[in-house]
Amino acid sequence: MYKKIFQLGLSRTGTSSFHSAVKILGFTSNHYPTKKCLLNFKYDVLSDIPVLIYLDTIVEKFPKAKYIVTVRDFESWLTSVNHYIKSKSIKKQRGNRYILTVRKKIYGKVSPTEKDYKKAYEEQYKRIFKTIKKKKLDHIVMDICNGEGWEKLCPFLNKEIPDVPFPRRNATK
């Protein structure tokens, strides 16, 4: 039986929706966990890009975990990233050293260019799928932003499909 669930994928790939969904299913979840939480956590589920920074450590510590890879086509993802950067939310992050450190580790810079985003997008997903294949991890790939939801997630987690719509958080208009 699996003990932990990890969402692997970049921010803006449905991570907030995923976080809300697993909470509806009864799991405890931490969205955008700190390093301390990542390595010694009390939650059932961890999600968003901090998980990617410690992917190798997590896989070694939790080889029997469930892994959900959230994906989104690059152009749609970049549009969402650019919309987010122009939003009020990003202003709150500018003073948060942890968030800035995570962004730099994933994207190569605190304020990446489109070229940096493209490179990070390709490298991170290549790394995720290489790790999954090498370690034979129990996983699914979900395109939440393109409509995948309960029908894919619930069977993988051995949960009944709830009688509520799959959450859609932070959707770019």
N, C-alpha and C. Protein backbone atom coordinates (compact mmCIF):
# COMPACT_ATOMS: atom_id res chain seq x y z
N MET A 1 0.84 -1.19 0.00
CA MET A 1 0.00 0.00 0.00
C MET A 1 0.89 1.25 0.00
N TYR A 2 0.50 2.22 -0.80
CA TYR A 2 1.28 3.45 -0.86
C TYR A 2 1.06 4.25 0.43
N LYS A 3 2.06 5.01 0.79
CA LYS A 3 1.98 5.81 2.01
C LYS A 3 1.89 7.30 1.71
N LYS A 4 2.40 7.72 0.58
CA LYS A 4 2.45 9.14 0.26
C LYS A 4 2.10 9.35 -1.22
N ILE A 5 1.69 10.59 -1.50
CA ILE A 5 1.35 10.98 -2.86
C ILE A 5 2.11 12.26 -3.18
N PHE A 6 2.74 12.28 -4.34
CA PHE A 6 3.48 13.46 -4.77
C PHE A 6 3.00 13.90 -6.14
N GLN A 7 2.72 15.19 -6.25
CA GLN A 7 2.39 15.78 -7.54
C GLN A 7 3.69 16.30 -8.12
N LEU A 8 4.01 15.87 -9.33
CA LEU A 8 5.21 16.31 -10.02
C LEU A 8 4.79 17.13 -11.23
N GLY A 9 5.33 18.29 -11.35
CA GLY A 9 5.01 19.15 -12.48
C GLY A 9 5.24 20.59 -12.10
N LEU A 10 5.32 21.42 -13.10
CA LEU A 10 5.57 22.83 -12.87
C LEU A 10 4.32 23.54 -12.35
N SER A 11 4.54 24.67 -11.70
CA SER A 11 3.43 25.53 -11.31
C SER A 11 2.66 25.91 -12.57
N ARG A 12 1.38 26.19 -12.42
CA ARG A 12 0.50 26.56 -13.53
C ARG A 12 0.13 25.36 -14.39
N THR A 13 0.22 24.15 -13.81
CA THR A 13 -0.22 22.93 -14.52
C THR A 13 -1.37 22.27 -13.77
N GLY A 14 -2.11 23.07 -13.01
CA GLY A 14 -3.23 22.53 -12.26
C GLY A 14 -2.88 22.13 -10.84
N THR A 15 -1.78 22.66 -10.31
CA THR A 15 -1.34 22.24 -8.98
C THR A 15 -2.33 22.66 -7.89
N SER A 16 -2.90 23.85 -7.99
CA SER A 16 -3.88 24.30 -6.98
C SER A 16 -5.16 23.47 -7.08
N SER A 17 -5.59 23.18 -8.29
CA SER A 17 -6.77 22.33 -8.49
C SER A 17 -6.52 20.94 -7.93
N PHE A 18 -5.34 20.39 -8.20
CA PHE A 18 -4.97 19.08 -7.68
C PHE A 18 -4.99 19.09 -6.15
N HIS A 19 -4.40 20.10 -5.55
CA HIS A 19 -4.36 20.24 -4.09
C HIS A 19 -5.78 20.24 -3.52
N SER A 20 -6.66 21.00 -4.12
CA SER A 20 -8.06 21.04 -3.66
C SER A 20 -8.74 19.69 -3.84
N ALA A 21 -8.45 19.03 -4.95
CA ALA A 21 -9.08 17.73 -5.25
C ALA A 21 -8.70 16.67 -4.22
N VAL A 22 -7.42 16.57 -3.88
CA VAL A 22 -7.02 15.53 -2.93
C VAL A 22 -7.57 15.82 -1.54
N LYS A 23 -7.75 17.07 -1.21
CA LYS A 23 -8.38 17.42 0.07
C LYS A 23 -9.84 16.97 0.07
N ILE A 24 -10.54 17.15 -1.04
CA ILE A 24 -11.92 16.67 -1.16
C ILE A 24 -11.96 15.16 -0.96
N LEU A 25 -10.94 14.46 -1.44
CA LEU A 25 -10.87 13.00 -1.32
C LEU A 25 -10.49 12.54 0.09
N GLY A 26 -10.20 13.49 0.98
CA GLY A 26 -9.92 13.15 2.37
C GLY A 26 -8.45 13.08 2.75
N PHE A 27 -7.57 13.45 1.84
CA PHE A 27 -6.14 13.44 2.14
C PHE A 27 -5.73 14.76 2.78
N THR A 28 -4.70 14.70 3.62
CA THR A 28 -4.07 15.93 4.09
C THR A 28 -3.06 16.33 3.02
N SER A 29 -2.99 17.62 2.74
CA SER A 29 -2.17 18.06 1.61
C SER A 29 -1.48 19.38 1.92
N ASN A 30 -0.25 19.50 1.42
CA ASN A 30 0.50 20.74 1.53
C ASN A 30 0.90 21.18 0.13
N HIS A 31 0.41 22.34 -0.25
CA HIS A 31 0.71 22.91 -1.57
C HIS A 31 1.86 23.89 -1.40
N TYR A 32 2.92 23.69 -2.16
CA TYR A 32 4.15 24.50 -2.11
C TYR A 32 4.86 24.32 -0.76
N PRO A 33 5.24 23.09 -0.45
CA PRO A 33 5.86 22.80 0.85
C PRO A 33 7.27 23.35 0.99
N THR A 34 7.67 23.57 2.23
CA THR A 34 9.03 23.99 2.53
C THR A 34 9.95 22.76 2.52
N LYS A 35 11.26 22.99 2.54
CA LYS A 35 12.22 21.89 2.56
C LYS A 35 12.00 21.00 3.77
N LYS A 36 11.79 21.59 4.93
CA LYS A 36 11.56 20.81 6.15
C LYS A 36 10.34 19.92 5.98
N CYS A 37 9.30 20.46 5.45
CA CYS A 37 8.06 19.71 5.24
C CYS A 37 8.27 18.61 4.21
N LEU A 38 9.06 18.89 3.18
CA LEU A 38 9.30 17.92 2.13
C LEU A 38 10.01 16.67 2.64
N LEU A 39 10.95 16.87 3.51
CA LEU A 39 11.79 15.75 3.93
C LEU A 39 11.31 15.05 5.20
N ASN A 40 10.48 15.70 5.98
CA ASN A 40 9.95 15.10 7.20
C ASN A 40 8.49 15.51 7.37
N PHE A 41 7.68 15.14 6.42
CA PHE A 41 6.33 15.70 6.45
C PHE A 41 5.29 14.78 7.05
N LYS A 42 4.23 15.43 7.52
CA LYS A 42 3.13 14.73 8.16
C LYS A 42 1.91 14.66 7.25
N TYR A 43 2.02 15.19 6.04
CA TYR A 43 0.90 15.21 5.10
C TYR A 43 0.88 13.96 4.24
N ASP A 44 -0.29 13.65 3.69
CA ASP A 44 -0.41 12.55 2.75
C ASP A 44 0.12 12.95 1.37
N VAL A 45 -0.06 14.23 1.03
CA VAL A 45 0.20 14.72 -0.32
C VAL A 45 1.03 15.99 -0.28
N LEU A 46 2.01 16.07 -1.20
CA LEU A 46 2.77 17.30 -1.40
C LEU A 46 2.71 17.65 -2.88
N SER A 47 2.59 18.97 -3.15
CA SER A 47 2.45 19.40 -4.55
C SER A 47 3.17 20.71 -4.83
N ASP A 48 3.43 20.92 -6.09
CA ASP A 48 4.01 22.11 -6.71
C ASP A 48 5.53 21.99 -6.81
N ILE A 49 6.16 23.02 -7.37
CA ILE A 49 7.57 22.91 -7.78
C ILE A 49 8.59 22.63 -6.69
N PRO A 50 8.36 22.95 -5.41
CA PRO A 50 9.36 22.54 -4.43
C PRO A 50 9.61 21.02 -4.42
N VAL A 51 8.59 20.26 -4.76
CA VAL A 51 8.74 18.80 -4.82
C VAL A 51 9.80 18.43 -5.85
N LEU A 52 9.85 19.15 -6.96
CA LEU A 52 10.83 18.84 -8.02
C LEU A 52 12.27 19.06 -7.57
N ILE A 53 12.48 20.05 -6.72
CA ILE A 53 13.84 20.33 -6.26
C ILE A 53 14.42 19.13 -5.52
N TYR A 54 13.58 18.43 -4.78
CA TYR A 54 14.04 17.30 -3.97
C TYR A 54 13.57 15.96 -4.53
N LEU A 55 13.32 15.92 -5.81
CA LEU A 55 12.78 14.71 -6.44
C LEU A 55 13.61 13.47 -6.15
N ASP A 56 14.91 13.53 -6.32
CA ASP A 56 15.75 12.35 -6.10
C ASP A 56 15.66 11.85 -4.65
N THR A 57 15.70 12.77 -3.70
CA THR A 57 15.59 12.40 -2.29
C THR A 57 14.23 11.79 -1.98
N ILE A 58 13.18 12.39 -2.52
CA ILE A 58 11.82 11.90 -2.29
C ILE A 58 11.66 10.50 -2.85
N VAL A 59 12.12 10.28 -4.06
CA VAL A 59 12.00 8.96 -4.70
C VAL A 59 12.77 7.90 -3.91
N GLU A 60 13.93 8.25 -3.40
CA GLU A 60 14.70 7.30 -2.59
C GLU A 60 13.98 6.98 -1.28
N LYS A 61 13.39 8.00 -0.67
CA LYS A 61 12.71 7.83 0.61
C LYS A 61 11.33 7.19 0.47
N PHE A 62 10.66 7.44 -0.68
CA PHE A 62 9.30 6.96 -0.88
C PHE A 62 9.14 6.26 -2.24
N PRO A 63 9.84 5.15 -2.46
CA PRO A 63 9.77 4.49 -3.77
C PRO A 63 8.40 3.87 -4.07
N LYS A 64 7.61 3.62 -3.05
CA LYS A 64 6.29 3.00 -3.23
C LYS A 64 5.16 4.03 -3.22
N ALA A 65 5.52 5.30 -3.25
CA ALA A 65 4.50 6.35 -3.25
C ALA A 65 3.76 6.37 -4.58
N LYS A 66 2.68 7.12 -4.62
CA LYS A 66 1.95 7.39 -5.86
C LYS A 66 2.45 8.74 -6.38
N TYR A 67 2.70 8.81 -7.67
CA TYR A 67 3.19 10.03 -8.28
C TYR A 67 2.21 10.46 -9.37
N ILE A 68 1.76 11.70 -9.29
CA ILE A 68 0.86 12.25 -10.30
C ILE A 68 1.62 13.36 -11.01
N VAL A 69 1.85 13.18 -12.30
CA VAL A 69 2.55 14.17 -13.10
C VAL A 69 1.51 15.06 -13.75
N THR A 70 1.54 16.35 -13.41
CA THR A 70 0.62 17.29 -14.05
C THR A 70 1.33 17.95 -15.22
N VAL A 71 0.65 17.94 -16.36
CA VAL A 71 1.23 18.47 -17.59
C VAL A 71 0.29 19.51 -18.19
N ARG A 72 0.84 20.26 -19.10
CA ARG A 72 0.08 21.27 -19.86
C ARG A 72 0.93 21.61 -21.07
N ASP A 73 0.28 21.82 -22.22
CA ASP A 73 1.09 22.14 -23.40
C ASP A 73 1.83 23.46 -23.15
N PHE A 74 3.01 23.57 -23.75
CA PHE A 74 3.91 24.68 -23.44
C PHE A 74 3.27 26.04 -23.69
N GLU A 75 2.64 26.24 -24.83
CA GLU A 75 2.08 27.56 -25.15
C GLU A 75 1.02 27.98 -24.14
N SER A 76 0.14 27.08 -23.80
CA SER A 76 -0.89 27.37 -22.80
C SER A 76 -0.26 27.64 -21.44
N TRP A 77 0.74 26.85 -21.10
CA TRP A 77 1.44 27.02 -19.83
C TRP A 77 2.12 28.40 -19.78
N LEU A 78 2.81 28.77 -20.85
CA LEU A 78 3.52 30.05 -20.89
C LEU A 78 2.53 31.22 -20.79
N THR A 79 1.40 31.11 -21.45
CA THR A 79 0.36 32.14 -21.35
C THR A 79 -0.08 32.29 -19.90
N SER A 80 -0.29 31.18 -19.22
CA SER A 80 -0.71 31.20 -17.82
C SER A 80 0.38 31.79 -16.93
N VAL A 81 1.62 31.42 -17.17
CA VAL A 81 2.74 31.95 -16.40
C VAL A 81 2.81 33.47 -16.57
N ASN A 82 2.72 33.93 -17.80
CA ASN A 82 2.79 35.37 -18.06
C ASN A 82 1.62 36.11 -17.41
N HIS A 83 0.44 35.52 -17.45
CA HIS A 83 -0.72 36.13 -16.79
C HIS A 83 -0.49 36.21 -15.28
N TYR A 84 0.04 35.16 -14.72
CA TYR A 84 0.31 35.12 -13.29
C TYR A 84 1.35 36.17 -12.89
N ILE A 85 2.39 36.30 -13.68
CA ILE A 85 3.45 37.27 -13.39
C ILE A 85 2.89 38.69 -13.37
N LYS A 86 1.92 38.96 -14.21
CA LYS A 86 1.31 40.30 -14.26
C LYS A 86 0.25 40.51 -13.18
N SER A 87 -0.10 39.45 -12.47
CA SER A 87 -1.15 39.54 -11.46
C SER A 87 -0.61 40.11 -10.14
N LYS A 88 -1.52 40.41 -9.25
CA LYS A 88 -1.15 40.91 -7.93
C LYS A 88 -0.44 39.84 -7.11
N SER A 89 -0.72 38.58 -7.37
CA SER A 89 -0.15 37.49 -6.58
C SER A 89 1.37 37.48 -6.60
N ILE A 90 1.95 37.79 -7.75
CA ILE A 90 3.41 37.73 -7.86
C ILE A 90 4.07 38.79 -6.98
N LYS A 91 3.39 39.91 -6.76
CA LYS A 91 3.95 40.97 -5.91
C LYS A 91 4.16 40.48 -4.49
N LYS A 92 3.30 39.62 -4.01
CA LYS A 92 3.43 39.06 -2.67
C LYS A 92 4.67 38.18 -2.56
N GLN A 93 5.07 37.57 -3.67
CA GLN A 93 6.20 36.64 -3.66
C GLN A 93 7.55 37.35 -3.66
N ARG A 94 7.61 38.56 -4.15
CA ARG A 94 8.90 39.24 -4.32
C ARG A 94 9.68 39.38 -3.02
N GLY A 95 9.00 39.42 -1.89
CA GLY A 95 9.70 39.52 -0.61
C GLY A 95 9.90 38.18 0.08
N ASN A 96 9.46 37.10 -0.54
CA ASN A 96 9.56 35.79 0.09
C ASN A 96 10.82 35.08 -0.42
N ARG A 97 11.82 35.02 0.41
CA ARG A 97 13.12 34.44 0.01
C ARG A 97 12.99 32.97 -0.43
N TYR A 98 12.15 32.20 0.26
CA TYR A 98 11.98 30.78 -0.10
C TYR A 98 11.42 30.64 -1.52
N ILE A 99 10.37 31.39 -1.82
CA ILE A 99 9.77 31.31 -3.15
C ILE A 99 10.77 31.74 -4.22
N LEU A 100 11.53 32.78 -3.95
CA LEU A 100 12.52 33.25 -4.92
C LEU A 100 13.62 32.20 -5.13
N THR A 101 14.03 31.54 -4.05
CA THR A 101 15.04 30.48 -4.16
C THR A 101 14.52 29.32 -5.00
N VAL A 102 13.28 28.92 -4.76
CA VAL A 102 12.68 27.82 -5.53
C VAL A 102 12.60 28.20 -7.00
N ARG A 103 12.12 29.40 -7.29
CA ARG A 103 12.02 29.85 -8.69
C ARG A 103 13.39 29.81 -9.37
N LYS A 104 14.42 30.25 -8.67
CA LYS A 104 15.76 30.27 -9.26
C LYS A 104 16.25 28.85 -9.53
N LYS A 105 15.98 27.93 -8.61
CA LYS A 105 16.42 26.54 -8.81
C LYS A 105 15.70 25.87 -9.97
N ILE A 106 14.43 26.18 -10.16
CA ILE A 106 13.65 25.53 -11.22
C ILE A 106 13.86 26.21 -12.56
N TYR A 107 13.81 27.54 -12.57
CA TYR A 107 13.84 28.29 -13.83
C TYR A 107 15.20 28.89 -14.17
N GLY A 108 16.16 28.77 -13.26
CA GLY A 108 17.50 29.28 -13.53
C GLY A 108 17.69 30.73 -13.13
N LYS A 109 16.59 31.44 -12.94
CA LYS A 109 16.62 32.86 -12.56
C LYS A 109 15.38 33.18 -11.75
N VAL A 110 15.45 34.24 -10.98
CA VAL A 110 14.28 34.71 -10.25
C VAL A 110 13.27 35.31 -11.23
N SER A 111 13.77 35.99 -12.25
CA SER A 111 12.90 36.61 -13.28
C SER A 111 13.27 36.04 -14.64
N PRO A 112 12.79 34.85 -14.96
CA PRO A 112 13.17 34.19 -16.22
C PRO A 112 12.59 34.88 -17.46
N THR A 113 13.27 34.69 -18.56
CA THR A 113 12.78 35.12 -19.87
C THR A 113 11.98 33.97 -20.47
N GLU A 114 11.35 34.22 -21.59
CA GLU A 114 10.60 33.14 -22.26
C GLU A 114 11.54 31.99 -22.63
N LYS A 115 12.75 32.31 -23.04
CA LYS A 115 13.75 31.29 -23.38
C LYS A 115 14.09 30.45 -22.14
N ASP A 116 14.24 31.10 -20.99
CA ASP A 116 14.53 30.38 -19.73
C ASP A 116 13.38 29.46 -19.36
N TYR A 117 12.15 29.97 -19.52
CA TYR A 117 10.98 29.14 -19.22
C TYR A 117 10.92 27.92 -20.12
N LYS A 118 11.19 28.12 -21.40
CA LYS A 118 11.15 27.00 -22.35
C LYS A 118 12.18 25.94 -21.96
N LYS A 119 13.38 26.39 -21.65
CA LYS A 119 14.46 25.46 -21.26
C LYS A 119 14.08 24.71 -19.99
N ALA A 120 13.57 25.42 -18.99
CA ALA A 120 13.19 24.78 -17.72
C ALA A 120 12.05 23.80 -17.93
N TYR A 121 11.07 24.18 -18.73
CA TYR A 121 9.92 23.32 -19.02
C TYR A 121 10.41 21.99 -19.62
N GLU A 122 11.26 22.08 -20.62
CA GLU A 122 11.77 20.87 -21.27
C GLU A 122 12.64 20.05 -20.34
N GLU A 123 13.54 20.70 -19.62
CA GLU A 123 14.45 19.98 -18.72
C GLU A 123 13.71 19.32 -17.56
N GLN A 124 12.77 20.02 -16.96
CA GLN A 124 12.07 19.46 -15.80
C GLN A 124 11.23 18.25 -16.19
N TYR A 125 10.50 18.33 -17.31
CA TYR A 125 9.68 17.18 -17.69
C TYR A 125 10.55 16.01 -18.18
N LYS A 126 11.64 16.30 -18.82
CA LYS A 126 12.58 15.23 -19.20
C LYS A 126 13.10 14.52 -17.95
N ARG A 127 13.47 15.30 -16.95
CA ARG A 127 13.97 14.75 -15.69
C ARG A 127 12.89 13.93 -14.97
N ILE A 128 11.68 14.45 -14.93
CA ILE A 128 10.58 13.72 -14.26
C ILE A 128 10.38 12.36 -14.91
N PHE A 129 10.22 12.35 -16.24
CA PHE A 129 9.92 11.09 -16.93
C PHE A 129 11.12 10.13 -16.93
N LYS A 130 12.32 10.65 -16.94
CA LYS A 130 13.51 9.80 -16.82
C LYS A 130 13.54 9.13 -15.45
N THR A 131 13.25 9.88 -14.40
CA THR A 131 13.22 9.33 -13.04
C THR A 131 12.13 8.28 -12.90
N ILE A 132 10.95 8.56 -13.44
CA ILE A 132 9.84 7.61 -13.38
C ILE A 132 10.21 6.30 -14.05
N LYS A 133 10.80 6.40 -15.22
CA LYS A 133 11.18 5.19 -15.96
C LYS A 133 12.29 4.43 -15.23
N LYS A 134 13.31 5.13 -14.81
CA LYS A 134 14.45 4.49 -14.15
C LYS A 134 14.04 3.80 -12.85
N LYS A 135 13.21 4.46 -12.06
CA LYS A 135 12.82 3.93 -10.75
C LYS A 135 11.51 3.13 -10.79
N LYS A 136 10.91 3.04 -11.97
CA LYS A 136 9.65 2.29 -12.16
C LYS A 136 8.59 2.74 -11.14
N LEU A 137 8.37 4.04 -11.10
CA LEU A 137 7.44 4.62 -10.14
C LEU A 137 5.99 4.42 -10.58
N ASP A 138 5.14 4.20 -9.60
CA ASP A 138 3.70 4.08 -9.83
C ASP A 138 3.18 5.50 -10.08
N HIS A 139 2.70 5.75 -11.30
CA HIS A 139 2.34 7.11 -11.65
C HIS A 139 1.22 7.18 -12.68
N ILE A 140 0.64 8.36 -12.77
CA ILE A 140 -0.24 8.71 -13.87
C ILE A 140 0.16 10.10 -14.34
N VAL A 141 -0.24 10.43 -15.55
CA VAL A 141 -0.04 11.76 -16.11
C VAL A 141 -1.41 12.38 -16.27
N MET A 142 -1.57 13.58 -15.73
CA MET A 142 -2.86 14.28 -15.80
C MET A 142 -2.71 15.65 -16.43
N ASP A 143 -3.61 15.94 -17.36
CA ASP A 143 -3.70 17.28 -17.94
C ASP A 143 -4.96 17.93 -17.36
N ILE A 144 -4.84 18.42 -16.15
CA ILE A 144 -5.97 19.02 -15.44
C ILE A 144 -6.47 20.25 -16.19
N CYS A 145 -5.56 21.03 -16.72
CA CYS A 145 -5.94 22.27 -17.42
C CYS A 145 -6.73 21.98 -18.69
N ASN A 146 -6.61 20.78 -19.20
CA ASN A 146 -7.33 20.40 -20.42
C ASN A 146 -8.54 19.52 -20.09
N GLY A 147 -8.93 19.47 -18.81
CA GLY A 147 -10.18 18.83 -18.44
C GLY A 147 -10.10 17.49 -17.73
N GLU A 148 -8.92 16.90 -17.59
CA GLU A 148 -8.85 15.63 -16.86
C GLU A 148 -9.09 15.88 -15.38
N GLY A 149 -9.78 14.93 -14.74
CA GLY A 149 -10.12 15.13 -13.34
C GLY A 149 -10.38 13.84 -12.60
N TRP A 150 -11.55 13.77 -11.96
CA TRP A 150 -11.89 12.64 -11.10
C TRP A 150 -11.75 11.29 -11.80
N GLU A 151 -12.20 11.21 -13.05
CA GLU A 151 -12.20 9.92 -13.76
C GLU A 151 -10.81 9.31 -13.88
N LYS A 152 -9.80 10.15 -13.89
CA LYS A 152 -8.42 9.66 -13.98
C LYS A 152 -7.79 9.52 -12.59
N LEU A 153 -8.03 10.50 -11.73
CA LEU A 153 -7.38 10.53 -10.43
C LEU A 153 -7.92 9.47 -9.46
N CYS A 154 -9.23 9.37 -9.36
CA CYS A 154 -9.83 8.49 -8.34
C CYS A 154 -9.48 7.01 -8.50
N PRO A 155 -9.56 6.43 -9.68
CA PRO A 155 -9.15 5.02 -9.79
C PRO A 155 -7.69 4.79 -9.40
N PHE A 156 -6.83 5.74 -9.75
CA PHE A 156 -5.41 5.62 -9.42
C PHE A 156 -5.19 5.62 -7.91
N LEU A 157 -6.00 6.39 -7.19
CA LEU A 157 -5.85 6.49 -5.74
C LEU A 157 -6.81 5.57 -4.99
N ASN A 158 -7.51 4.71 -5.72
CA ASN A 158 -8.49 3.79 -5.13
C ASN A 158 -9.54 4.53 -4.30
N LYS A 159 -10.07 5.59 -4.86
CA LYS A 159 -11.10 6.39 -4.21
C LYS A 159 -12.34 6.45 -5.10
N GLU A 160 -13.49 6.56 -4.46
CA GLU A 160 -14.74 6.76 -5.20
C GLU A 160 -14.76 8.17 -5.77
N ILE A 161 -15.37 8.32 -6.92
CA ILE A 161 -15.52 9.64 -7.51
C ILE A 161 -16.55 10.42 -6.69
N PRO A 162 -16.16 11.57 -6.16
CA PRO A 162 -17.10 12.34 -5.34
C PRO A 162 -18.21 12.96 -6.20
N ASP A 163 -19.27 13.31 -5.53
CA ASP A 163 -20.44 13.89 -6.21
C ASP A 163 -20.33 15.41 -6.28
N VAL A 164 -19.15 15.90 -6.59
CA VAL A 164 -18.91 17.33 -6.78
C VAL A 164 -18.00 17.49 -8.00
N PRO A 165 -18.10 18.62 -8.68
CA PRO A 165 -17.20 18.83 -9.83
C PRO A 165 -15.74 18.87 -9.39
N PHE A 166 -14.87 18.46 -10.29
CA PHE A 166 -13.44 18.56 -10.02
C PHE A 166 -13.10 20.04 -9.86
N PRO A 167 -12.33 20.40 -8.83
CA PRO A 167 -12.03 21.82 -8.61
C PRO A 167 -11.21 22.43 -9.74
N ARG A 168 -11.48 23.67 -10.03
CA ARG A 168 -10.71 24.44 -11.02
C ARG A 168 -10.27 25.71 -10.32
N ARG A 169 -9.03 25.74 -9.89
CA ARG A 169 -8.50 26.90 -9.15
C ARG A 169 -7.52 27.65 -10.04
N ASN A 170 -7.47 28.94 -9.87
CA ASN A 170 -6.50 29.81 -10.54
C ASN A 170 -6.49 29.66 -12.05
N ALA A 171 -7.63 29.37 -12.64
CA ALA A 171 -7.69 29.21 -14.09
C ALA A 171 -7.45 30.54 -14.78
N THR A 172 -6.59 30.53 -15.77
CA THR A 172 -6.34 31.74 -16.56
C THR A 172 -7.54 31.96 -17.46
N LYS A 173 -8.07 33.17 -17.41
CA LYS A 173 -9.25 33.48 -18.22
C LYS A 173 -8.89 33.55 -19.69
